């Protein structure tokens, strides 16, 4: 069963402008997106998500929260028979420019993704 809900207004006086996102589109929309049919293998044994901020609860909890999303337990992940080194994704780096661990977003935070 597939259900799709589209919200095209918040209130009659506040219609949402623009077009709805395509199914499975990343959100927020990145500034640059390169789509291809190539696969990149993520090895659950060696894949690391790390941050330049150490002992920051928000970042540490986010990394833990995303681990099951990267490797859902319901899917069996098998090593491909043949792959090249450039097809193995080993790490994700989270760089926090302010070098401060804030509990709440700050007024002038830059949340851009690069």
N, C-alpha and C. Protein backbone atom coordinates (compact mmCIF):
# COMPACT_ATOMS: atom_id res chain seq x y z
N UNK A 1 0.84 -1.17 0.00
CA UNK A 1 0.00 0.00 0.00
C UNK A 1 0.89 1.23 0.00
N UNK A 2 0.65 2.13 -0.89
CA UNK A 2 1.43 3.36 -1.01
C UNK A 2 0.51 4.54 -0.79
N UNK A 3 0.89 5.41 0.10
CA UNK A 3 0.11 6.61 0.38
C UNK A 3 0.97 7.82 0.12
N UNK A 4 0.44 8.79 -0.58
CA UNK A 4 1.17 10.02 -0.85
C UNK A 4 0.31 11.19 -0.44
N UNK A 5 0.88 12.06 0.35
CA UNK A 5 0.16 13.24 0.81
C UNK A 5 0.89 14.47 0.31
N UNK A 6 0.16 15.38 -0.29
CA UNK A 6 0.75 16.63 -0.78
C UNK A 6 0.06 17.78 -0.06
N UNK A 7 0.86 18.59 0.61
CA UNK A 7 0.31 19.79 1.26
C UNK A 7 0.57 20.95 0.32
N UNK A 8 -0.50 21.54 -0.18
CA UNK A 8 -0.31 22.67 -1.10
C UNK A 8 -0.69 24.00 -0.47
N UNK A 9 -1.05 23.97 0.78
CA UNK A 9 -1.28 25.22 1.50
C UNK A 9 -1.17 24.94 3.00
N UNK A 10 -0.79 25.94 3.73
CA UNK A 10 -0.77 25.84 5.19
C UNK A 10 -2.09 26.38 5.72
N UNK A 11 -2.50 27.45 5.13
CA UNK A 11 -3.75 28.09 5.45
C UNK A 11 -4.15 28.84 4.18
N UNK A 12 -5.40 29.15 4.01
CA UNK A 12 -5.84 29.82 2.78
C UNK A 12 -5.02 31.08 2.50
N UNK A 13 -4.63 31.78 3.53
CA UNK A 13 -3.87 33.01 3.32
C UNK A 13 -2.36 32.76 3.20
N UNK A 14 -1.90 31.50 3.38
CA UNK A 14 -0.47 31.17 3.28
C UNK A 14 -0.24 30.01 2.31
N UNK A 15 -0.51 30.20 1.02
CA UNK A 15 -0.25 29.09 0.08
C UNK A 15 1.26 28.85 -0.06
N UNK A 16 1.64 27.59 -0.23
CA UNK A 16 3.05 27.26 -0.46
C UNK A 16 3.37 27.50 -1.92
N UNK A 17 4.45 28.19 -2.18
CA UNK A 17 4.83 28.51 -3.55
C UNK A 17 5.83 27.48 -4.07
N UNK A 18 5.87 27.32 -5.38
CA UNK A 18 6.85 26.43 -5.99
C UNK A 18 6.25 25.08 -6.33
N UNK A 19 7.12 24.19 -6.73
CA UNK A 19 6.71 22.86 -7.14
C UNK A 19 7.04 21.85 -6.04
N UNK A 20 6.24 20.79 -5.91
CA UNK A 20 6.58 19.76 -4.94
C UNK A 20 7.87 19.05 -5.35
N UNK A 21 8.61 18.57 -4.38
CA UNK A 21 9.85 17.84 -4.66
C UNK A 21 9.53 16.51 -5.32
N UNK A 22 10.49 16.04 -6.11
CA UNK A 22 10.35 14.72 -6.72
C UNK A 22 10.42 13.65 -5.63
N UNK A 23 9.81 12.48 -5.86
CA UNK A 23 9.92 11.41 -4.87
C UNK A 23 11.39 11.04 -4.64
N UNK A 24 11.75 10.77 -3.41
CA UNK A 24 13.11 10.41 -3.00
C UNK A 24 14.13 11.51 -3.20
N UNK A 25 13.69 12.74 -3.36
CA UNK A 25 14.62 13.86 -3.52
C UNK A 25 15.20 14.22 -2.16
N UNK A 26 16.48 14.59 -2.10
CA UNK A 26 17.06 14.99 -0.82
C UNK A 26 16.46 16.31 -0.35
N UNK A 27 16.34 16.44 0.96
CA UNK A 27 15.85 17.68 1.53
C UNK A 27 16.69 18.02 2.73
N UNK A 28 17.17 19.22 2.89
CA UNK A 28 16.98 20.34 1.97
C UNK A 28 17.75 20.12 0.67
N UNK A 29 17.27 20.73 -0.38
CA UNK A 29 17.90 20.58 -1.70
C UNK A 29 19.33 21.10 -1.64
N UNK A 30 20.32 20.28 -2.01
CA UNK A 30 21.71 20.76 -2.00
C UNK A 30 21.96 21.76 -3.11
N UNK A 31 23.00 22.56 -2.96
CA UNK A 31 23.35 23.54 -4.00
C UNK A 31 23.80 22.83 -5.27
N UNK A 32 24.42 21.68 -5.14
CA UNK A 32 24.88 20.91 -6.29
C UNK A 32 24.52 19.45 -6.07
N UNK A 33 23.98 18.82 -7.09
CA UNK A 33 23.59 17.42 -7.00
C UNK A 33 24.00 16.72 -8.28
N UNK A 34 24.80 15.68 -8.16
CA UNK A 34 25.23 14.90 -9.31
C UNK A 34 24.56 13.54 -9.21
N UNK A 35 23.63 13.27 -10.10
CA UNK A 35 22.88 12.03 -10.07
C UNK A 35 23.45 11.09 -11.12
N UNK A 36 23.65 9.83 -10.74
CA UNK A 36 24.12 8.84 -11.70
C UNK A 36 23.57 7.48 -11.29
N UNK A 37 23.68 6.53 -12.18
CA UNK A 37 23.22 5.18 -11.88
C UNK A 37 24.34 4.32 -11.29
N UNK A 38 25.51 4.92 -11.07
CA UNK A 38 26.63 4.18 -10.47
C UNK A 38 26.34 3.90 -9.00
N UNK A 39 26.83 2.79 -8.54
CA UNK A 39 26.68 2.43 -7.13
C UNK A 39 27.98 2.69 -6.39
N UNK A 40 27.85 3.10 -5.15
CA UNK A 40 29.01 3.23 -4.27
C UNK A 40 28.75 2.30 -3.10
N UNK A 41 29.69 1.45 -2.82
CA UNK A 41 29.55 0.47 -1.75
C UNK A 41 29.96 1.10 -0.41
N UNK A 42 29.13 0.95 0.60
CA UNK A 42 29.45 1.40 1.96
C UNK A 42 29.65 0.15 2.80
N UNK A 43 30.87 -0.06 3.23
CA UNK A 43 31.21 -1.25 4.02
C UNK A 43 30.87 -0.99 5.49
N UNK A 44 29.90 -1.69 6.05
CA UNK A 44 29.51 -1.43 7.43
C UNK A 44 30.62 -1.70 8.44
N UNK A 45 31.60 -2.51 8.07
CA UNK A 45 32.70 -2.81 8.99
C UNK A 45 33.68 -1.65 9.13
N UNK A 46 33.81 -0.85 8.07
CA UNK A 46 34.84 0.19 8.06
C UNK A 46 34.31 1.61 7.92
N UNK A 47 33.03 1.77 7.67
CA UNK A 47 32.46 3.10 7.45
C UNK A 47 32.47 3.90 8.75
N UNK A 48 32.94 5.15 8.70
CA UNK A 48 33.07 6.00 9.88
C UNK A 48 32.42 7.35 9.61
N UNK A 49 31.66 7.84 10.57
CA UNK A 49 31.15 9.21 10.55
C UNK A 49 31.85 9.91 11.70
N UNK A 50 32.56 10.99 11.39
CA UNK A 50 33.26 11.69 12.46
C UNK A 50 33.08 13.19 12.32
N UNK A 51 33.37 13.89 13.40
CA UNK A 51 33.17 15.33 13.47
C UNK A 51 34.40 15.99 14.07
N UNK A 52 34.59 17.26 13.73
CA UNK A 52 35.70 18.01 14.33
C UNK A 52 35.38 18.42 15.76
N UNK A 53 34.11 18.34 16.17
CA UNK A 53 33.74 18.65 17.55
C UNK A 53 33.71 17.35 18.35
N UNK A 54 34.46 17.32 19.41
CA UNK A 54 34.49 16.14 20.28
C UNK A 54 33.62 16.42 21.50
N UNK A 55 33.00 15.39 22.02
CA UNK A 55 32.15 15.49 23.22
C UNK A 55 31.03 16.51 23.05
N UNK A 56 30.41 16.51 21.87
CA UNK A 56 29.26 17.39 21.61
C UNK A 56 28.02 16.50 21.51
N UNK A 57 27.14 16.59 22.50
CA UNK A 57 25.98 15.70 22.58
C UNK A 57 25.13 15.71 21.32
N UNK A 58 24.89 16.88 20.76
CA UNK A 58 24.02 16.97 19.58
C UNK A 58 24.61 16.20 18.40
N UNK A 59 25.90 16.41 18.14
CA UNK A 59 26.56 15.72 17.03
C UNK A 59 26.67 14.23 17.32
N UNK A 60 27.10 13.87 18.53
CA UNK A 60 27.25 12.45 18.89
C UNK A 60 25.93 11.70 18.78
N UNK A 61 24.85 12.31 19.25
CA UNK A 61 23.53 11.66 19.17
C UNK A 61 23.04 11.56 17.73
N UNK A 62 23.33 12.57 16.92
CA UNK A 62 22.93 12.53 15.51
C UNK A 62 23.66 11.40 14.78
N UNK A 63 24.94 11.24 15.06
CA UNK A 63 25.71 10.16 14.42
C UNK A 63 25.12 8.81 14.82
N UNK A 64 24.83 8.63 16.10
CA UNK A 64 24.23 7.37 16.56
C UNK A 64 22.85 7.16 15.94
N UNK A 65 22.08 8.23 15.80
CA UNK A 65 20.73 8.14 15.24
C UNK A 65 20.77 7.73 13.76
N UNK A 66 21.81 8.15 13.04
CA UNK A 66 21.88 7.85 11.61
C UNK A 66 22.49 6.49 11.30
N UNK A 67 23.20 5.86 12.22
CA UNK A 67 23.80 4.55 11.95
C UNK A 67 22.78 3.52 11.47
N UNK A 68 21.63 3.36 12.16
CA UNK A 68 20.67 2.39 11.66
C UNK A 68 20.03 2.79 10.33
N UNK A 69 20.07 4.08 10.00
CA UNK A 69 19.54 4.52 8.71
C UNK A 69 20.50 4.13 7.59
N UNK A 70 21.81 4.26 7.85
CA UNK A 70 22.81 3.86 6.85
C UNK A 70 22.77 2.35 6.60
N UNK A 71 22.58 1.58 7.65
CA UNK A 71 22.61 0.12 7.55
C UNK A 71 21.39 -0.48 8.24
N UNK A 72 20.24 -0.43 7.56
CA UNK A 72 19.03 -0.96 8.20
C UNK A 72 19.16 -2.46 8.46
N UNK A 73 18.72 -2.92 9.62
CA UNK A 73 18.86 -4.34 9.95
C UNK A 73 18.01 -5.26 9.08
N UNK A 74 16.98 -4.72 8.44
CA UNK A 74 16.09 -5.55 7.62
C UNK A 74 16.70 -5.90 6.26
N UNK A 75 17.71 -5.14 5.85
CA UNK A 75 18.32 -5.39 4.55
C UNK A 75 19.59 -6.21 4.72
N UNK A 76 19.74 -7.21 3.89
CA UNK A 76 21.00 -7.95 3.93
C UNK A 76 21.97 -7.24 3.00
N UNK A 77 23.11 -6.88 3.54
CA UNK A 77 24.11 -6.15 2.77
C UNK A 77 25.22 -7.13 2.42
N UNK A 78 25.44 -7.30 1.13
CA UNK A 78 26.46 -8.23 0.69
C UNK A 78 27.57 -7.47 -0.02
N UNK A 79 28.78 -7.94 0.17
CA UNK A 79 29.92 -7.35 -0.50
C UNK A 79 29.83 -7.67 -1.99
N UNK A 80 30.00 -6.67 -2.85
CA UNK A 80 29.96 -6.96 -4.29
C UNK A 80 31.13 -7.86 -4.68
N UNK A 81 30.94 -8.65 -5.72
CA UNK A 81 31.99 -9.54 -6.19
C UNK A 81 33.20 -8.77 -6.71
N UNK A 82 32.94 -7.74 -7.50
CA UNK A 82 34.01 -6.94 -8.09
C UNK A 82 33.68 -5.47 -7.87
N UNK A 83 34.64 -4.72 -7.36
CA UNK A 83 34.47 -3.28 -7.24
C UNK A 83 35.84 -2.62 -7.23
N UNK A 84 35.84 -1.37 -7.61
CA UNK A 84 37.08 -0.60 -7.64
C UNK A 84 37.20 0.22 -6.37
N UNK A 85 38.42 0.61 -6.02
CA UNK A 85 38.64 1.38 -4.80
C UNK A 85 37.84 2.67 -4.77
N UNK A 86 37.66 3.31 -5.94
CA UNK A 86 36.91 4.57 -5.96
C UNK A 86 35.41 4.36 -5.79
N UNK A 87 34.96 3.11 -5.69
CA UNK A 87 33.55 2.83 -5.47
C UNK A 87 33.24 2.47 -4.01
N UNK A 88 34.24 2.60 -3.13
CA UNK A 88 34.03 2.30 -1.72
C UNK A 88 33.98 3.61 -0.95
N UNK A 89 32.88 3.84 -0.28
CA UNK A 89 32.68 5.07 0.49
C UNK A 89 33.07 4.75 1.93
N UNK A 90 34.14 5.39 2.43
CA UNK A 90 34.69 5.02 3.73
C UNK A 90 34.27 5.92 4.89
N UNK A 91 34.00 7.20 4.61
CA UNK A 91 33.73 8.08 5.75
C UNK A 91 32.90 9.29 5.34
N UNK A 92 32.28 9.88 6.35
CA UNK A 92 31.58 11.15 6.23
C UNK A 92 32.17 12.05 7.30
N UNK A 93 32.50 13.26 6.93
CA UNK A 93 33.07 14.20 7.89
C UNK A 93 32.08 15.33 8.15
N UNK A 94 31.84 15.62 9.42
CA UNK A 94 30.97 16.73 9.81
C UNK A 94 31.88 17.83 10.32
N UNK A 95 31.93 18.94 9.60
CA UNK A 95 32.79 20.06 9.98
C UNK A 95 31.92 21.19 10.53
N UNK A 96 32.07 21.48 11.81
CA UNK A 96 31.33 22.56 12.44
C UNK A 96 32.27 23.75 12.52
N UNK A 97 31.97 24.79 11.72
CA UNK A 97 32.88 25.94 11.59
C UNK A 97 33.04 26.72 12.88
N UNK A 98 31.99 26.81 13.68
CA UNK A 98 32.08 27.64 14.88
C UNK A 98 32.98 27.02 15.95
N UNK A 99 33.22 25.72 15.84
CA UNK A 99 34.03 24.98 16.81
C UNK A 99 33.46 25.04 18.22
N UNK A 100 32.16 25.35 18.32
CA UNK A 100 31.46 25.37 19.60
C UNK A 100 30.28 24.41 19.53
N UNK A 101 30.03 23.76 20.61
CA UNK A 101 28.90 22.84 20.68
C UNK A 101 27.71 23.57 21.29
N UNK A 102 26.80 24.03 20.43
CA UNK A 102 25.62 24.74 20.91
C UNK A 102 24.48 23.74 21.10
N UNK A 103 23.68 23.98 22.10
CA UNK A 103 22.51 23.13 22.34
C UNK A 103 21.37 23.51 21.41
N UNK A 104 21.26 24.80 21.10
CA UNK A 104 20.19 25.30 20.24
C UNK A 104 20.80 26.03 19.05
N UNK A 105 20.09 26.10 17.92
CA UNK A 105 20.59 26.88 16.78
C UNK A 105 20.78 28.34 17.17
N UNK A 106 21.79 28.95 16.60
CA UNK A 106 22.09 30.34 16.87
C UNK A 106 21.58 31.19 15.71
N UNK A 107 21.35 32.47 15.95
CA UNK A 107 20.76 33.36 14.96
C UNK A 107 21.54 33.39 13.66
N UNK A 108 22.85 33.43 13.71
CA UNK A 108 23.67 33.58 12.50
C UNK A 108 24.35 32.27 12.10
N UNK A 109 23.78 31.13 12.44
CA UNK A 109 24.37 29.85 12.05
C UNK A 109 24.36 29.69 10.54
N UNK A 110 25.44 29.13 10.02
CA UNK A 110 25.54 28.80 8.60
C UNK A 110 25.35 27.29 8.49
N UNK A 111 24.21 26.84 7.99
CA UNK A 111 23.93 25.42 7.90
C UNK A 111 24.11 24.90 6.47
N UNK A 112 24.98 25.56 5.72
CA UNK A 112 25.19 25.14 4.34
C UNK A 112 25.92 23.80 4.31
N UNK A 113 25.65 23.02 3.29
CA UNK A 113 26.30 21.73 3.08
C UNK A 113 27.23 21.84 1.89
N UNK A 114 28.41 21.32 2.04
CA UNK A 114 29.37 21.38 0.93
C UNK A 114 29.90 20.01 0.63
